[in-house]
Amino acid sequence: MEDDEHIGLLIGTARRRIKQALGSRVRRYGLTPRQFWILVALYEHPGLSLRELAAHLRMDDPTASRVVFALMSRKLVQVRGDAKDRRRSCLYLDAPGVVLGKELHELAAAVRGAVVQGLSAAEQKALRVSLRKIIANMDRFQERGNTGTPAREGS
């Protein structure tokens, strides 16, 4: 049975397991998994624009905006103008966000480690390549509409 399990089912199950494991750990901070990853991203990459943050986390702009707004209302994230480009706004952790970010960064490292535990560097690289192909496949499938006919390899 293991060799014929549908890839989409396995990806969905892995995603749920990661979300469940993370959710139970971030709940004590009063955060959702999305809020957690945004805080971690801003801790690791301060000064991202909203669009850059959304792209970094593979999240759509409206979702990223809603989550950032919620974190701003909790005084964890702040928006500052870019000194080099006045049209650009940059996101930073506010002082309480920096303190929390340091703790969350450690949790993120533990989660990332758990996800790849037992996978060699080569297996991790191959998995990333395969997952990016699947994401691109699904983007193309979504763009075509639901015709029910998958594109052929090399088409």
N, C-alpha and C. Protein backbone atom coordinates (compact mmCIF):
# COMPACT_ATOMS: atom_id res chain seq x y z
N MET A 1 0.82 -1.20 0.00
CA MET A 1 0.00 0.00 0.00
C MET A 1 0.86 1.26 0.00
N GLU A 2 2.00 1.25 0.63
CA GLU A 2 2.81 2.46 0.75
C GLU A 2 3.25 3.02 -0.59
N ASP A 3 3.56 2.18 -1.56
CA ASP A 3 4.07 2.66 -2.84
C ASP A 3 2.99 3.25 -3.72
N ASP A 4 1.72 2.94 -3.45
CA ASP A 4 0.67 3.46 -4.32
C ASP A 4 -0.19 4.53 -3.65
N GLU A 5 0.23 5.04 -2.50
CA GLU A 5 -0.52 6.13 -1.88
C GLU A 5 -0.41 7.37 -2.75
N HIS A 6 -1.50 8.07 -2.89
CA HIS A 6 -1.51 9.28 -3.71
C HIS A 6 -0.62 10.35 -3.08
N ILE A 7 0.19 10.98 -3.92
CA ILE A 7 1.13 12.01 -3.46
C ILE A 7 0.39 13.15 -2.77
N GLY A 8 -0.72 13.59 -3.35
CA GLY A 8 -1.49 14.69 -2.76
C GLY A 8 -1.98 14.35 -1.36
N LEU A 9 -2.39 13.11 -1.15
CA LEU A 9 -2.84 12.66 0.17
C LEU A 9 -1.68 12.72 1.16
N LEU A 10 -0.51 12.27 0.75
CA LEU A 10 0.66 12.30 1.63
C LEU A 10 1.07 13.74 1.96
N ILE A 11 1.03 14.62 0.96
CA ILE A 11 1.38 16.02 1.20
C ILE A 11 0.38 16.64 2.17
N GLY A 12 -0.89 16.39 1.95
CA GLY A 12 -1.93 16.92 2.83
C GLY A 12 -1.78 16.42 4.26
N THR A 13 -1.48 15.14 4.40
CA THR A 13 -1.29 14.56 5.73
C THR A 13 -0.07 15.16 6.42
N ALA A 14 1.03 15.31 5.69
CA ALA A 14 2.24 15.91 6.26
C ALA A 14 1.95 17.35 6.70
N ARG A 15 1.23 18.10 5.88
CA ARG A 15 0.89 19.48 6.22
C ARG A 15 0.06 19.54 7.49
N ARG A 16 -0.94 18.67 7.59
CA ARG A 16 -1.78 18.65 8.80
C ARG A 16 -0.97 18.30 10.04
N ARG A 17 -0.07 17.33 9.92
CA ARG A 17 0.77 16.93 11.07
C ARG A 17 1.65 18.09 11.54
N ILE A 18 2.24 18.79 10.59
CA ILE A 18 3.08 19.94 10.94
C ILE A 18 2.23 21.01 11.62
N LYS A 19 1.07 21.30 11.04
CA LYS A 19 0.19 22.33 11.59
C LYS A 19 -0.29 21.95 12.99
N GLN A 20 -0.64 20.68 13.20
CA GLN A 20 -1.09 20.22 14.52
C GLN A 20 0.03 20.33 15.55
N ALA A 21 1.21 19.87 15.19
CA ALA A 21 2.35 19.91 16.12
C ALA A 21 2.70 21.36 16.47
N LEU A 22 2.69 22.22 15.47
CA LEU A 22 3.00 23.62 15.71
C LEU A 22 1.88 24.30 16.49
N GLY A 23 0.64 24.03 16.09
CA GLY A 23 -0.51 24.66 16.74
C GLY A 23 -0.55 24.42 18.23
N SER A 24 -0.26 23.20 18.64
CA SER A 24 -0.29 22.89 20.07
C SER A 24 0.82 23.62 20.82
N ARG A 25 1.88 23.97 20.14
CA ARG A 25 3.00 24.67 20.79
C ARG A 25 2.84 26.19 20.78
N VAL A 26 2.21 26.75 19.75
CA VAL A 26 2.07 28.21 19.69
C VAL A 26 0.80 28.71 20.38
N ARG A 27 -0.10 27.81 20.69
CA ARG A 27 -1.34 28.19 21.36
C ARG A 27 -1.06 28.90 22.68
N ARG A 28 -0.02 28.46 23.38
CA ARG A 28 0.28 29.08 24.68
C ARG A 28 0.72 30.53 24.54
N TYR A 29 1.15 30.92 23.35
CA TYR A 29 1.51 32.31 23.08
C TYR A 29 0.31 33.12 22.57
N GLY A 30 -0.82 32.44 22.38
CA GLY A 30 -1.99 33.10 21.82
C GLY A 30 -1.84 33.40 20.34
N LEU A 31 -1.06 32.57 19.65
CA LEU A 31 -0.79 32.77 18.23
C LEU A 31 -1.37 31.65 17.39
N THR A 32 -1.67 31.97 16.15
CA THR A 32 -2.00 30.95 15.16
C THR A 32 -0.70 30.54 14.47
N PRO A 33 -0.69 29.40 13.78
CA PRO A 33 0.52 29.03 13.04
C PRO A 33 0.96 30.10 12.03
N ARG A 34 0.01 30.75 11.35
CA ARG A 34 0.38 31.80 10.39
C ARG A 34 1.04 32.98 11.09
N GLN A 35 0.48 33.38 12.23
CA GLN A 35 1.09 34.47 12.99
C GLN A 35 2.50 34.09 13.43
N PHE A 36 2.64 32.85 13.87
CA PHE A 36 3.95 32.35 14.29
C PHE A 36 4.97 32.49 13.17
N TRP A 37 4.63 32.00 11.97
CA TRP A 37 5.59 32.02 10.87
C TRP A 37 5.91 33.44 10.42
N ILE A 38 4.93 34.34 10.50
CA ILE A 38 5.20 35.74 10.15
C ILE A 38 6.16 36.36 11.15
N LEU A 39 5.94 36.12 12.43
CA LEU A 39 6.86 36.65 13.45
C LEU A 39 8.27 36.09 13.27
N VAL A 40 8.36 34.81 12.98
CA VAL A 40 9.67 34.19 12.76
C VAL A 40 10.34 34.80 11.52
N ALA A 41 9.57 34.96 10.45
CA ALA A 41 10.14 35.54 9.22
C ALA A 41 10.65 36.96 9.46
N LEU A 42 9.91 37.75 10.22
CA LEU A 42 10.36 39.13 10.49
C LEU A 42 11.52 39.16 11.47
N TYR A 43 11.62 38.17 12.32
CA TYR A 43 12.78 38.06 13.21
C TYR A 43 14.03 37.73 12.38
N GLU A 44 13.85 36.82 11.42
CA GLU A 44 14.98 36.39 10.58
C GLU A 44 15.31 37.40 9.48
N HIS A 45 14.30 38.12 9.00
CA HIS A 45 14.47 39.04 7.86
C HIS A 45 13.76 40.37 8.15
N PRO A 46 14.25 41.16 9.09
CA PRO A 46 13.58 42.44 9.39
C PRO A 46 13.61 43.37 8.18
N GLY A 47 12.52 44.14 8.04
CA GLY A 47 12.47 45.15 6.99
C GLY A 47 11.86 44.69 5.69
N LEU A 48 11.25 43.51 5.67
CA LEU A 48 10.57 43.05 4.46
C LEU A 48 9.33 43.90 4.21
N SER A 49 8.99 44.09 2.95
CA SER A 49 7.71 44.70 2.62
C SER A 49 6.64 43.62 2.79
N LEU A 50 5.39 44.03 2.80
CA LEU A 50 4.31 43.05 2.92
C LEU A 50 4.35 42.05 1.77
N ARG A 51 4.58 42.54 0.57
CA ARG A 51 4.63 41.66 -0.60
C ARG A 51 5.80 40.68 -0.50
N GLU A 52 6.97 41.16 -0.05
CA GLU A 52 8.14 40.29 0.12
C GLU A 52 7.87 39.24 1.19
N LEU A 53 7.23 39.64 2.27
CA LEU A 53 6.89 38.71 3.35
C LEU A 53 5.95 37.63 2.83
N ALA A 54 4.91 38.04 2.12
CA ALA A 54 3.95 37.08 1.57
C ALA A 54 4.64 36.11 0.62
N ALA A 55 5.49 36.61 -0.25
CA ALA A 55 6.20 35.74 -1.19
C ALA A 55 7.13 34.78 -0.44
N HIS A 56 7.83 35.30 0.56
CA HIS A 56 8.76 34.47 1.34
C HIS A 56 8.03 33.30 2.00
N LEU A 57 6.81 33.56 2.47
CA LEU A 57 6.04 32.52 3.16
C LEU A 57 5.06 31.79 2.24
N ARG A 58 5.10 32.11 0.95
CA ARG A 58 4.20 31.50 -0.04
C ARG A 58 2.74 31.66 0.40
N MET A 59 2.43 32.89 0.74
CA MET A 59 1.11 33.26 1.24
C MET A 59 0.57 34.34 0.31
N ASP A 60 -0.74 34.40 0.11
CA ASP A 60 -1.26 35.48 -0.73
C ASP A 60 -1.24 36.80 0.04
N ASP A 61 -1.18 37.90 -0.70
CA ASP A 61 -1.05 39.23 -0.09
C ASP A 61 -2.19 39.56 0.88
N PRO A 62 -3.47 39.31 0.52
CA PRO A 62 -4.55 39.65 1.46
C PRO A 62 -4.46 38.89 2.79
N THR A 63 -4.08 37.62 2.73
CA THR A 63 -3.93 36.84 3.96
C THR A 63 -2.79 37.40 4.80
N ALA A 64 -1.66 37.66 4.17
CA ALA A 64 -0.52 38.23 4.89
C ALA A 64 -0.91 39.56 5.52
N SER A 65 -1.65 40.38 4.80
CA SER A 65 -2.08 41.68 5.31
C SER A 65 -2.95 41.53 6.55
N ARG A 66 -3.91 40.61 6.51
CA ARG A 66 -4.79 40.38 7.67
C ARG A 66 -4.00 39.94 8.89
N VAL A 67 -3.07 39.00 8.67
CA VAL A 67 -2.29 38.47 9.79
C VAL A 67 -1.38 39.56 10.36
N VAL A 68 -0.73 40.32 9.49
CA VAL A 68 0.15 41.41 9.95
C VAL A 68 -0.66 42.44 10.72
N PHE A 69 -1.85 42.79 10.22
CA PHE A 69 -2.69 43.77 10.92
C PHE A 69 -3.03 43.28 12.33
N ALA A 70 -3.35 41.99 12.47
CA ALA A 70 -3.65 41.43 13.79
C ALA A 70 -2.43 41.53 14.71
N LEU A 71 -1.25 41.27 14.16
CA LEU A 71 -0.02 41.35 14.96
C LEU A 71 0.32 42.80 15.30
N MET A 72 -0.02 43.73 14.41
CA MET A 72 0.19 45.15 14.70
C MET A 72 -0.72 45.59 15.84
N SER A 73 -1.95 45.11 15.84
CA SER A 73 -2.89 45.50 16.91
C SER A 73 -2.44 44.97 18.27
N ARG A 74 -1.62 43.93 18.26
CA ARG A 74 -1.06 43.38 19.51
C ARG A 74 0.30 44.01 19.84
N LYS A 75 0.70 45.00 19.04
CA LYS A 75 1.97 45.71 19.25
C LYS A 75 3.19 44.79 19.12
N LEU A 76 3.08 43.79 18.25
CA LEU A 76 4.20 42.88 18.00
C LEU A 76 4.93 43.24 16.72
N VAL A 77 4.23 43.89 15.79
CA VAL A 77 4.80 44.26 14.49
C VAL A 77 4.52 45.74 14.26
N GLN A 78 5.45 46.41 13.63
CA GLN A 78 5.27 47.82 13.26
C GLN A 78 5.67 48.03 11.81
N VAL A 79 5.09 49.06 11.22
CA VAL A 79 5.39 49.43 9.83
C VAL A 79 6.20 50.72 9.88
N ARG A 80 7.29 50.74 9.13
CA ARG A 80 8.11 51.94 9.01
C ARG A 80 8.33 52.23 7.53
N GLY A 81 8.44 53.49 7.22
CA GLY A 81 8.78 53.87 5.85
C GLY A 81 10.22 53.51 5.54
N ASP A 82 10.47 53.23 4.29
CA ASP A 82 11.83 52.92 3.84
C ASP A 82 12.56 54.23 3.58
N ALA A 83 13.70 54.43 4.23
CA ALA A 83 14.46 55.68 4.07
C ALA A 83 14.95 55.87 2.63
N LYS A 84 15.18 54.78 1.91
CA LYS A 84 15.69 54.86 0.54
C LYS A 84 14.57 55.04 -0.50
N ASP A 85 13.38 54.55 -0.17
CA ASP A 85 12.25 54.62 -1.11
C ASP A 85 10.99 54.94 -0.31
N ARG A 86 10.55 56.17 -0.39
CA ARG A 86 9.42 56.62 0.43
C ARG A 86 8.10 55.95 0.06
N ARG A 87 8.05 55.33 -1.11
CA ARG A 87 6.83 54.63 -1.52
C ARG A 87 6.72 53.27 -0.85
N ARG A 88 7.81 52.79 -0.29
CA ARG A 88 7.88 51.43 0.26
C ARG A 88 7.73 51.46 1.78
N SER A 89 6.92 50.55 2.30
CA SER A 89 6.77 50.37 3.75
C SER A 89 7.43 49.06 4.13
N CYS A 90 8.12 49.08 5.26
CA CYS A 90 8.85 47.90 5.74
C CYS A 90 8.28 47.44 7.07
N LEU A 91 8.29 46.14 7.27
CA LEU A 91 7.76 45.54 8.49
C LEU A 91 8.90 45.15 9.42
N TYR A 92 8.72 45.47 10.68
CA TYR A 92 9.70 45.14 11.72
C TYR A 92 8.96 44.64 12.94
N LEU A 93 9.64 43.86 13.75
CA LEU A 93 9.09 43.47 15.04
C LEU A 93 9.21 44.66 15.98
N ASP A 94 8.15 44.91 16.73
CA ASP A 94 8.18 45.92 17.78
C ASP A 94 8.95 45.33 18.95
N ALA A 95 9.28 46.11 19.97
CA ALA A 95 10.11 45.61 21.08
C ALA A 95 9.57 44.31 21.69
N PRO A 96 8.27 44.22 22.02
CA PRO A 96 7.78 42.93 22.54
C PRO A 96 7.87 41.81 21.50
N GLY A 97 7.73 42.18 20.23
CA GLY A 97 7.85 41.20 19.15
C GLY A 97 9.24 40.63 19.02
N VAL A 98 10.25 41.46 19.28
CA VAL A 98 11.64 41.00 19.22
C VAL A 98 11.90 39.98 20.32
N VAL A 99 11.41 40.27 21.53
CA VAL A 99 11.58 39.34 22.65
C VAL A 99 10.88 38.02 22.33
N LEU A 100 9.64 38.11 21.86
CA LEU A 100 8.90 36.91 21.50
C LEU A 100 9.54 36.22 20.31
N GLY A 101 10.00 36.99 19.34
CA GLY A 101 10.63 36.44 18.14
C GLY A 101 11.82 35.56 18.45
N LYS A 102 12.61 35.95 19.42
CA LYS A 102 13.78 35.15 19.80
C LYS A 102 13.35 33.78 20.29
N GLU A 103 12.32 33.74 21.12
CA GLU A 103 11.81 32.47 21.64
C GLU A 103 11.18 31.64 20.52
N LEU A 104 10.41 32.31 19.67
CA LEU A 104 9.74 31.61 18.57
C LEU A 104 10.76 31.08 17.56
N HIS A 105 11.84 31.80 17.37
CA HIS A 105 12.89 31.37 16.44
C HIS A 105 13.45 30.02 16.87
N GLU A 106 13.61 29.83 18.16
CA GLU A 106 14.10 28.55 18.67
C GLU A 106 13.09 27.44 18.40
N LEU A 107 11.81 27.74 18.57
CA LEU A 107 10.76 26.76 18.27
C LEU A 107 10.74 26.46 16.77
N ALA A 108 10.90 27.48 15.94
CA ALA A 108 10.93 27.27 14.48
C ALA A 108 12.06 26.33 14.09
N ALA A 109 13.22 26.51 14.71
CA ALA A 109 14.36 25.64 14.42
C ALA A 109 14.03 24.20 14.81
N ALA A 110 13.35 24.02 15.93
CA ALA A 110 12.97 22.67 16.37
C ALA A 110 11.97 22.04 15.40
N VAL A 111 10.99 22.82 14.96
CA VAL A 111 9.98 22.31 14.01
C VAL A 111 10.64 21.97 12.69
N ARG A 112 11.48 22.87 12.18
CA ARG A 112 12.17 22.61 10.92
C ARG A 112 13.03 21.36 11.02
N GLY A 113 13.68 21.18 12.16
CA GLY A 113 14.50 19.98 12.36
C GLY A 113 13.67 18.72 12.41
N ALA A 114 12.51 18.79 13.07
CA ALA A 114 11.63 17.62 13.17
C ALA A 114 11.11 17.22 11.79
N VAL A 115 10.82 18.19 10.95
CA VAL A 115 10.29 17.92 9.61
C VAL A 115 11.28 17.11 8.78
N VAL A 116 12.55 17.40 8.89
CA VAL A 116 13.55 16.74 8.04
C VAL A 116 14.36 15.67 8.77
N GLN A 117 13.96 15.37 10.00
CA GLN A 117 14.69 14.35 10.77
C GLN A 117 14.74 13.04 9.99
N GLY A 118 15.93 12.48 9.89
CA GLY A 118 16.11 11.22 9.19
C GLY A 118 16.30 11.34 7.69
N LEU A 119 16.19 12.55 7.16
CA LEU A 119 16.41 12.77 5.72
C LEU A 119 17.83 13.28 5.51
N SER A 120 18.53 12.68 4.58
CA SER A 120 19.88 13.15 4.25
C SER A 120 19.78 14.49 3.53
N ALA A 121 20.90 15.18 3.40
CA ALA A 121 20.93 16.45 2.67
C ALA A 121 20.46 16.24 1.23
N ALA A 122 20.86 15.14 0.62
CA ALA A 122 20.44 14.85 -0.76
C ALA A 122 18.94 14.60 -0.83
N GLU A 123 18.39 13.89 0.15
CA GLU A 123 16.95 13.64 0.18
C GLU A 123 16.18 14.95 0.38
N GLN A 124 16.70 15.82 1.23
CA GLN A 124 16.04 17.11 1.45
C GLN A 124 16.04 17.93 0.17
N LYS A 125 17.16 17.94 -0.54
CA LYS A 125 17.25 18.68 -1.79
C LYS A 125 16.27 18.12 -2.82
N ALA A 126 16.23 16.79 -2.94
CA ALA A 126 15.33 16.15 -3.90
C ALA A 126 13.87 16.44 -3.54
N LEU A 127 13.56 16.43 -2.26
CA LEU A 127 12.19 16.72 -1.82
C LEU A 127 11.82 18.16 -2.16
N ARG A 128 12.71 19.10 -1.92
CA ARG A 128 12.43 20.50 -2.27
C ARG A 128 12.17 20.65 -3.78
N VAL A 129 13.01 20.01 -4.58
CA VAL A 129 12.84 20.08 -6.04
C VAL A 129 11.48 19.49 -6.43
N SER A 130 11.15 18.34 -5.87
CA SER A 130 9.88 17.68 -6.20
C SER A 130 8.69 18.51 -5.75
N LEU A 131 8.75 19.06 -4.55
CA LEU A 131 7.63 19.87 -4.06
C LEU A 131 7.45 21.14 -4.89
N ARG A 132 8.54 21.76 -5.31
CA ARG A 132 8.43 22.94 -6.17
C ARG A 132 7.79 22.58 -7.51
N LYS A 133 8.12 21.40 -8.04
CA LYS A 133 7.48 20.95 -9.29
C LYS A 133 5.99 20.74 -9.08
N ILE A 134 5.62 20.14 -7.96
CA ILE A 134 4.21 19.91 -7.67
C ILE A 134 3.47 21.24 -7.53
N ILE A 135 4.08 22.19 -6.84
CA ILE A 135 3.46 23.52 -6.70
C ILE A 135 3.26 24.15 -8.07
N ALA A 136 4.26 24.09 -8.93
CA ALA A 136 4.15 24.64 -10.29
C ALA A 136 3.07 23.90 -11.07
N ASN A 137 3.01 22.58 -10.94
CA ASN A 137 1.97 21.80 -11.61
C ASN A 137 0.59 22.26 -11.18
N MET A 138 0.41 22.47 -9.88
CA MET A 138 -0.90 22.86 -9.38
C MET A 138 -1.24 24.30 -9.77
N ASP A 139 -0.23 25.16 -9.86
CA ASP A 139 -0.46 26.53 -10.35
C ASP A 139 -0.97 26.48 -11.79
N ARG A 140 -0.32 25.66 -12.63
CA ARG A 140 -0.76 25.52 -14.03
C ARG A 140 -2.15 24.91 -14.10
N PHE A 141 -2.41 23.91 -13.29
CA PHE A 141 -3.72 23.26 -13.27
C PHE A 141 -4.80 24.28 -12.88
N GLN A 142 -4.51 25.09 -11.89
CA GLN A 142 -5.46 26.11 -11.44
C GLN A 142 -5.71 27.15 -12.53
N GLU A 143 -4.65 27.56 -13.22
CA GLU A 143 -4.78 28.55 -14.29
C GLU A 143 -5.62 28.04 -15.45
N ARG A 144 -5.49 26.74 -15.76
CA ARG A 144 -6.24 26.15 -16.87
C ARG A 144 -7.71 25.99 -16.55
N GLY A 145 -8.05 25.97 -15.28
CA GLY A 145 -9.41 25.65 -14.89
C GLY A 145 -9.51 24.15 -14.75
N ASN A 146 -10.60 23.69 -14.26
CA ASN A 146 -10.75 22.27 -13.99
C ASN A 146 -11.25 21.55 -15.23
N THR A 147 -10.35 21.26 -16.16
CA THR A 147 -10.74 20.56 -17.39
C THR A 147 -10.71 19.06 -17.22
N GLY A 148 -10.03 18.61 -16.15
CA GLY A 148 -9.94 17.18 -15.91
C GLY A 148 -8.87 16.49 -16.72
N THR A 149 -8.17 17.22 -17.59
CA THR A 149 -7.10 16.60 -18.36
C THR A 149 -5.75 17.16 -17.94
N PRO A 150 -4.93 16.33 -17.31
CA PRO A 150 -3.62 16.81 -16.88
C PRO A 150 -2.71 17.07 -18.08
N ALA A 151 -1.84 18.04 -17.92
CA ALA A 151 -0.85 18.33 -18.96
C ALA A 151 0.15 17.20 -19.02
N ARG A 152 0.62 16.88 -20.19
CA ARG A 152 1.63 15.85 -20.38
C ARG A 152 3.00 16.41 -20.04
N GLU A 153 3.88 15.55 -19.56
CA GLU A 153 5.27 15.94 -19.28
C GLU A 153 5.87 16.49 -20.56
N GLY A 154 6.48 17.66 -20.46
CA GLY A 154 7.15 18.26 -21.61
C GLY A 154 6.22 19.05 -22.51
N SER A 155 4.90 19.12 -22.18
CA SER A 155 3.99 19.90 -23.02
C SER A 155 4.04 21.36 -22.68
